[in-house]
Structures are given as C-alpha cells and as structure tokens.
C-alpha cells in the first residue's frame, strides 16, 4: 500500500465514487434507503480540498482509501484541527488502511494544532470504536446536522493530548 498527498490533477471523480461506494455499503443499515438513494458522485467535491487530502493505493495502483483533514470548520474551534472525512473501500476495511491514513493525517494536523475533532454518525458504532482506538473521546451529546438529502445525527469526538 502507498499513501500520498493528493495532487491537483488527481482523478477526483474516482475519489467521489469511492465516497459513494463507502456510503452505500457502510450506511445501508444505518440510514434510510431513500436518503442513500439520493446520493450521487456529484454529492461530494473532494477536489475542493485536494491540498488537505491523502490517498491510499494498493499495490496495483487502485484507489482504496482517502482521508481529508485540516483547520476546523466550526466556530469556536479556531485552534483545532478537524478530520473532515475518511473513506476506505469496503473490501479493504479492517486491514490497517484507515489506521495508516489517520496516522498520516494526524501527524500533519499536529504540526499546526494541539487538538482535533471528527464528527461521526451517532449510530455508526464501528466508526466510533475506530476513533476510540486512536484516542478520540466523545464530547457532548448527539447533534442534528441538516444536509441537502435530510438530517443526520452526529457526535463529535475529540483528540486532546494527554
């Protein structure tokens, strides 16, 4: 496996397709089918964050994962970093790809921020456990986020150095 920073001329349509594939597989039991049916590759625009994105490729050059992280977007978190997204191809999950992508992203975040957070779907226990393994803890209660396709219930998980 190879992890590298995204380049401006990368195939971001393939990245958006990865997002879509992961959402449909991961959230099939967690979100209404009607919500998932509305999603297309046009839902996401990973090219907008290419400078804050890492890509993981298998030995054949196939895109198997992506992670984006940078300055926090929410007000009141000016000195924080945020993991915007991490998506691993379903057939590559639980093989260390996510841990390696997160290690890369968190190393970069630590260069500018002492604290970081990620928002995760409240019902996604697998993702919440993944972040706990990396040292994140839940902060606060479930929050509602409105997106064009509907509402999502999310929790914020924070990583604060000991």
C-alpha atoms as a PDB file:
ATOM      1  CA  UNK A   1       0.000   0.000   0.000  1.00  0.00           C
ATOM      2  CA  UNK A   2       1.121   3.524  -0.771  1.00  0.00           C
ATOM      3  CA  UNK A   3      -0.217   6.690   0.876  1.00  0.00           C
ATOM      4  CA  UNK A   4       0.464  10.092  -0.633  1.00  0.00           C
ATOM      5  CA  UNK A   5      -0.858  13.624  -0.654  1.00  0.00           C
ATOM      6  CA  UNK A   6      -3.420  14.310  -3.340  1.00  0.00           C
ATOM      7  CA  UNK A   7      -2.351  16.298  -6.375  1.00  0.00           C
ATOM      8  CA  UNK A   8      -4.428  18.945  -8.133  1.00  0.00           C
ATOM      9  CA  UNK A   9      -4.686  16.741 -11.238  1.00  0.00           C
ATOM     10  CA  UNK A  10      -5.740  13.516  -9.476  1.00  0.00           C
ATOM     11  CA  UNK A  11      -8.894  11.716 -10.591  1.00  0.00           C
ATOM     12  CA  UNK A  12     -11.337  13.226  -8.104  1.00  0.00           C
ATOM     13  CA  UNK A  13     -14.249  11.575  -9.889  1.00  0.00           C
ATOM     14  CA  UNK A  14     -12.744   8.280  -8.689  1.00  0.00           C
ATOM     15  CA  UNK A  15     -12.461   9.724  -5.168  1.00  0.00           C
ATOM     16  CA  UNK A  16     -16.131  10.793  -5.261  1.00  0.00           C
ATOM     17  CA  UNK A  17     -17.049   7.300  -6.493  1.00  0.00           C
ATOM     18  CA  UNK A  18     -15.170   5.840  -3.525  1.00  0.00           C
ATOM     19  CA  UNK A  19     -17.163   8.127  -1.206  1.00  0.00           C
ATOM     20  CA  UNK A  20     -20.414   6.954  -2.785  1.00  0.00           C
ATOM     21  CA  UNK A  21     -19.481   3.267  -2.645  1.00  0.00           C
ATOM     22  CA  UNK A  22     -18.484   3.533   1.016  1.00  0.00           C
ATOM     23  CA  UNK A  23     -21.620   5.446   1.989  1.00  0.00           C
ATOM     24  CA  UNK A  24     -23.877   2.905   0.296  1.00  0.00           C
ATOM     25  CA  UNK A  25     -22.088  -0.049   1.896  1.00  0.00           C
ATOM     26  CA  UNK A  26     -21.409   1.385   5.343  1.00  0.00           C
ATOM     27  CA  UNK A  27     -24.675   3.185   5.943  1.00  0.00           C
ATOM     28  CA  UNK A  28     -27.073   0.694   4.336  1.00  0.00           C
ATOM     29  CA  UNK A  29     -28.238  -0.437   7.776  1.00  0.00           C
ATOM     30  CA  UNK A  30     -27.818   2.968   9.451  1.00  0.00           C
ATOM     31  CA  UNK A  31     -29.658   5.432   7.200  1.00  0.00           C
ATOM     32  CA  UNK A  32     -32.969   5.280   5.333  1.00  0.00           C
ATOM     33  CA  UNK A  33     -32.743   3.805   1.837  1.00  0.00           C
ATOM     34  CA  UNK A  34     -34.394   6.953   0.459  1.00  0.00           C
ATOM     35  CA  UNK A  35     -31.587   9.070   1.912  1.00  0.00           C
ATOM     36  CA  UNK A  36     -28.906   6.867   0.348  1.00  0.00           C
ATOM     37  CA  UNK A  37     -30.753   6.714  -2.992  1.00  0.00           C
ATOM     38  CA  UNK A  38     -30.409  10.497  -3.337  1.00  0.00           C
ATOM     39  CA  UNK A  39     -26.613  10.343  -3.198  1.00  0.00           C
ATOM     40  CA  UNK A  40     -24.540  10.518  -6.373  1.00  0.00           C
ATOM     41  CA  UNK A  41     -20.902  11.271  -7.052  1.00  0.00           C
ATOM     42  CA  UNK A  42     -21.996  14.900  -7.521  1.00  0.00           C
ATOM     43  CA  UNK A  43     -22.890  14.987  -3.800  1.00  0.00           C
ATOM     44  CA  UNK A  44     -19.212  15.371  -2.946  1.00  0.00           C
ATOM     45  CA  UNK A  45     -16.484  17.666  -4.211  1.00  0.00           C
ATOM     46  CA  UNK A  46     -13.198  16.221  -2.938  1.00  0.00           C
ATOM     47  CA  UNK A  47     -11.279  18.330  -5.447  1.00  0.00           C
ATOM     48  CA  UNK A  48     -12.073  21.378  -3.300  1.00  0.00           C
ATOM     49  CA  UNK A  49      -9.843  20.005  -0.522  1.00  0.00           C
ATOM     50  CA  UNK A  50      -7.133  18.407  -2.617  1.00  0.00           C
ATOM     51  CA  UNK A  51      -4.413  20.169  -0.603  1.00  0.00           C
ATOM     52  CA  UNK A  52      -5.734  18.605   2.627  1.00  0.00           C
ATOM     53  CA  UNK A  53      -6.320  15.107   1.241  1.00  0.00           C
ATOM     54  CA  UNK A  54      -4.319  11.890   1.347  1.00  0.00           C
ATOM     55  CA  UNK A  55      -4.930   8.965  -0.962  1.00  0.00           C
ATOM     56  CA  UNK A  56      -4.154   5.287  -0.367  1.00  0.00           C
ATOM     57  CA  UNK A  57      -3.461   2.911  -3.245  1.00  0.00           C
ATOM     58  CA  UNK A  58      -2.978  -0.848  -3.292  1.00  0.00           C
ATOM     59  CA  UNK A  59      -0.001  -2.482  -4.983  1.00  0.00           C
ATOM     60  CA  UNK A  60      -1.788  -2.407  -8.350  1.00  0.00           C
ATOM     61  CA  UNK A  61      -2.425   1.348  -8.130  1.00  0.00           C
ATOM     62  CA  UNK A  62      -6.143   1.022  -7.299  1.00  0.00           C
ATOM     63  CA  UNK A  63      -7.525   3.733  -5.016  1.00  0.00           C
ATOM     64  CA  UNK A  64      -8.502   2.014  -1.753  1.00  0.00           C
ATOM     65  CA  UNK A  65      -8.894   4.888   0.685  1.00  0.00           C
ATOM     66  CA  UNK A  66      -8.839   8.595   1.279  1.00  0.00           C
ATOM     67  CA  UNK A  67      -8.660  10.922   4.242  1.00  0.00           C
ATOM     68  CA  UNK A  68      -9.047  14.700   4.400  1.00  0.00           C
ATOM     69  CA  UNK A  69      -8.085  16.852   7.398  1.00  0.00           C
ATOM     70  CA  UNK A  70      -7.234  20.468   8.076  1.00  0.00           C
ATOM     71  CA  UNK A  71      -8.333  23.503  10.091  1.00  0.00           C
ATOM     72  CA  UNK A  72     -11.607  23.111  11.993  1.00  0.00           C
ATOM     73  CA  UNK A  73     -14.640  24.472  10.169  1.00  0.00           C
ATOM     74  CA  UNK A  74     -16.878  25.134  13.181  1.00  0.00           C
ATOM     75  CA  UNK A  75     -16.942  28.428  15.046  1.00  0.00           C
ATOM     76  CA  UNK A  76     -15.358  28.306  18.458  1.00  0.00           C
ATOM     77  CA  UNK A  77     -12.731  25.807  17.319  1.00  0.00           C
ATOM     78  CA  UNK A  78     -10.268  28.273  15.817  1.00  0.00           C
ATOM     79  CA  UNK A  79      -7.212  26.497  17.228  1.00  0.00           C
ATOM     80  CA  UNK A  80      -8.391  22.983  16.396  1.00  0.00           C
ATOM     81  CA  UNK A  81      -7.797  20.623  13.532  1.00  0.00           C
ATOM     82  CA  UNK A  82     -10.599  18.557  12.028  1.00  0.00           C
ATOM     83  CA  UNK A  83     -10.696  15.218  10.276  1.00  0.00           C
ATOM     84  CA  UNK A  84     -13.175  16.050   7.521  1.00  0.00           C
ATOM     85  CA  UNK A  85     -13.551  12.547   6.124  1.00  0.00           C
ATOM     86  CA  UNK A  86     -12.044   9.112   5.886  1.00  0.00           C
ATOM     87  CA  UNK A  87     -13.314   6.500   3.467  1.00  0.00           C
ATOM     88  CA  UNK A  88     -11.899   3.026   2.937  1.00  0.00           C
ATOM     89  CA  UNK A  89     -13.100   0.713   0.163  1.00  0.00           C
ATOM     90  CA  UNK A  90     -15.320  -1.898   1.860  1.00  0.00           C
ATOM     91  CA  UNK A  91     -13.138  -4.825   0.751  1.00  0.00           C
ATOM     92  CA  UNK A  92     -10.110  -3.099   2.323  1.00  0.00           C
ATOM     93  CA  UNK A  93     -11.618  -2.235   5.713  1.00  0.00           C
ATOM     94  CA  UNK A  94     -10.166  -3.789   8.884  1.00  0.00           C
ATOM     95  CA  UNK A  95      -6.786  -4.265   7.198  1.00  0.00           C
ATOM     96  CA  UNK A  96      -4.942  -1.245   8.614  1.00  0.00           C
ATOM     97  CA  UNK A  97      -5.589   1.187   5.748  1.00  0.00           C
ATOM     98  CA  UNK A  98      -7.675   3.501   7.915  1.00  0.00           C
ATOM     99  CA  UNK A  99      -5.165   3.463  10.757  1.00  0.00           C
ATOM    100  CA  UNK A 100      -2.343   4.359   8.386  1.00  0.00           C
ATOM    101  CA  UNK A 101      -4.332   7.143   6.713  1.00  0.00           C
ATOM    102  CA  UNK A 102      -5.329   8.556  10.106  1.00  0.00           C
ATOM    103  CA  UNK A 103      -1.748   8.378  11.384  1.00  0.00           C
ATOM    104  CA  UNK A 104      -0.644  10.378   8.353  1.00  0.00           C
ATOM    105  CA  UNK A 105      -3.437  12.943   8.734  1.00  0.00           C
ATOM    106  CA  UNK A 106      -2.986  13.333  12.498  1.00  0.00           C
ATOM    107  CA  UNK A 107       0.769  13.789  12.135  1.00  0.00           C
ATOM    108  CA  UNK A 108       0.117  16.663   9.749  1.00  0.00           C
ATOM    109  CA  UNK A 109      -2.605  18.160  11.977  1.00  0.00           C
ATOM    110  CA  UNK A 110      -0.244  18.077  14.988  1.00  0.00           C
ATOM    111  CA  UNK A 111       2.141  20.372  13.093  1.00  0.00           C
ATOM    112  CA  UNK A 112      -0.415  23.197  13.409  1.00  0.00           C
ATOM    113  CA  UNK A 113      -2.935  22.169  16.083  1.00  0.00           C
ATOM    114  CA  UNK A 114      -2.802  20.674  19.575  1.00  0.00           C
ATOM    115  CA  UNK A 115      -6.381  19.391  19.437  1.00  0.00           C
ATOM    116  CA  UNK A 116      -8.510  17.774  16.757  1.00  0.00           C
ATOM    117  CA  UNK A 117     -12.046  16.525  16.285  1.00  0.00           C
ATOM    118  CA  UNK A 118     -14.121  14.436  13.948  1.00  0.00           C
ATOM    119  CA  UNK A 119     -17.882  14.191  13.589  1.00  0.00           C
ATOM    120  CA  UNK A 120     -19.282  10.715  13.162  1.00  0.00           C
ATOM    121  CA  UNK A 121     -22.766   9.377  12.544  1.00  0.00           C
ATOM    122  CA  UNK A 122     -24.171   8.675  16.003  1.00  0.00           C
ATOM    123  CA  UNK A 123     -25.351   5.181  15.055  1.00  0.00           C
ATOM    124  CA  UNK A 124     -22.048   4.182  13.442  1.00  0.00           C
ATOM    125  CA  UNK A 125     -20.599   2.205  16.351  1.00  0.00           C
ATOM    126  CA  UNK A 126     -17.863   0.722  14.182  1.00  0.00           C
ATOM    127  CA  UNK A 127     -16.513   4.188  13.311  1.00  0.00           C
ATOM    128  CA  UNK A 128     -16.869   5.392  16.893  1.00  0.00           C
ATOM    129  CA  UNK A 129     -14.861   2.385  18.076  1.00  0.00           C
ATOM    130  CA  UNK A 130     -12.237   3.077  15.399  1.00  0.00           C
ATOM    131  CA  UNK A 131     -11.798   6.647  16.644  1.00  0.00           C
ATOM    132  CA  UNK A 132     -11.693   5.484  20.279  1.00  0.00           C
ATOM    133  CA  UNK A 133      -8.819   3.154  19.345  1.00  0.00           C
ATOM    134  CA  UNK A 134      -6.987   6.221  18.060  1.00  0.00           C
ATOM    135  CA  UNK A 135      -7.522   8.107  21.333  1.00  0.00           C
ATOM    136  CA  UNK A 136     -10.635  10.138  20.497  1.00  0.00           C
ATOM    137  CA  UNK A 137     -13.374  10.551  23.112  1.00  0.00           C
ATOM    138  CA  UNK A 138     -16.938  11.737  22.677  1.00  0.00           C
ATOM    139  CA  UNK A 139     -17.610  15.355  23.555  1.00  0.00           C
ATOM    140  CA  UNK A 140     -21.167  16.463  24.206  1.00  0.00           C
ATOM    141  CA  UNK A 141     -24.397  14.921  23.054  1.00  0.00           C
ATOM    142  CA  UNK A 142     -25.872  13.912  19.729  1.00  0.00           C
ATOM    143  CA  UNK A 143     -26.297  16.854  17.355  1.00  0.00           C
ATOM    144  CA  UNK A 144     -28.546  17.157  14.304  1.00  0.00           C
ATOM    145  CA  UNK A 145     -26.925  18.223  11.031  1.00  0.00           C
ATOM    146  CA  UNK A 146     -29.032  19.212   8.047  1.00  0.00           C
ATOM    147  CA  UNK A 147     -27.666  18.235   4.642  1.00  0.00           C
ATOM    148  CA  UNK A 148     -29.412  18.511   1.263  1.00  0.00           C
ATOM    149  CA  UNK A 149     -30.576  14.880   1.492  1.00  0.00           C
ATOM    150  CA  UNK A 150     -32.054  15.218   5.003  1.00  0.00           C
ATOM    151  CA  UNK A 151     -30.905  15.237   8.598  1.00  0.00           C
ATOM    152  CA  UNK A 152     -28.090  13.314  10.209  1.00  0.00           C
ATOM    153  CA  UNK A 153     -27.463  12.669  13.895  1.00  0.00           C
ATOM    154  CA  UNK A 154     -23.772  13.022  14.683  1.00  0.00           C
ATOM    155  CA  UNK A 155     -21.468  13.030  17.669  1.00  0.00           C
ATOM    156  CA  UNK A 156     -18.246  14.958  17.963  1.00  0.00           C
ATOM    157  CA  UNK A 157     -15.217  13.017  19.054  1.00  0.00           C
ATOM    158  CA  UNK A 158     -12.130  14.906  20.203  1.00  0.00           C
ATOM    159  CA  UNK A 159      -8.457  14.107  20.447  1.00  0.00           C
ATOM    160  CA  UNK A 160      -6.671  16.099  23.119  1.00  0.00           C
ATOM    161  CA  UNK A 161      -3.047  15.344  24.005  1.00  0.00           C
ATOM    162  CA  UNK A 162      -2.509  13.918  27.478  1.00  0.00           C
END
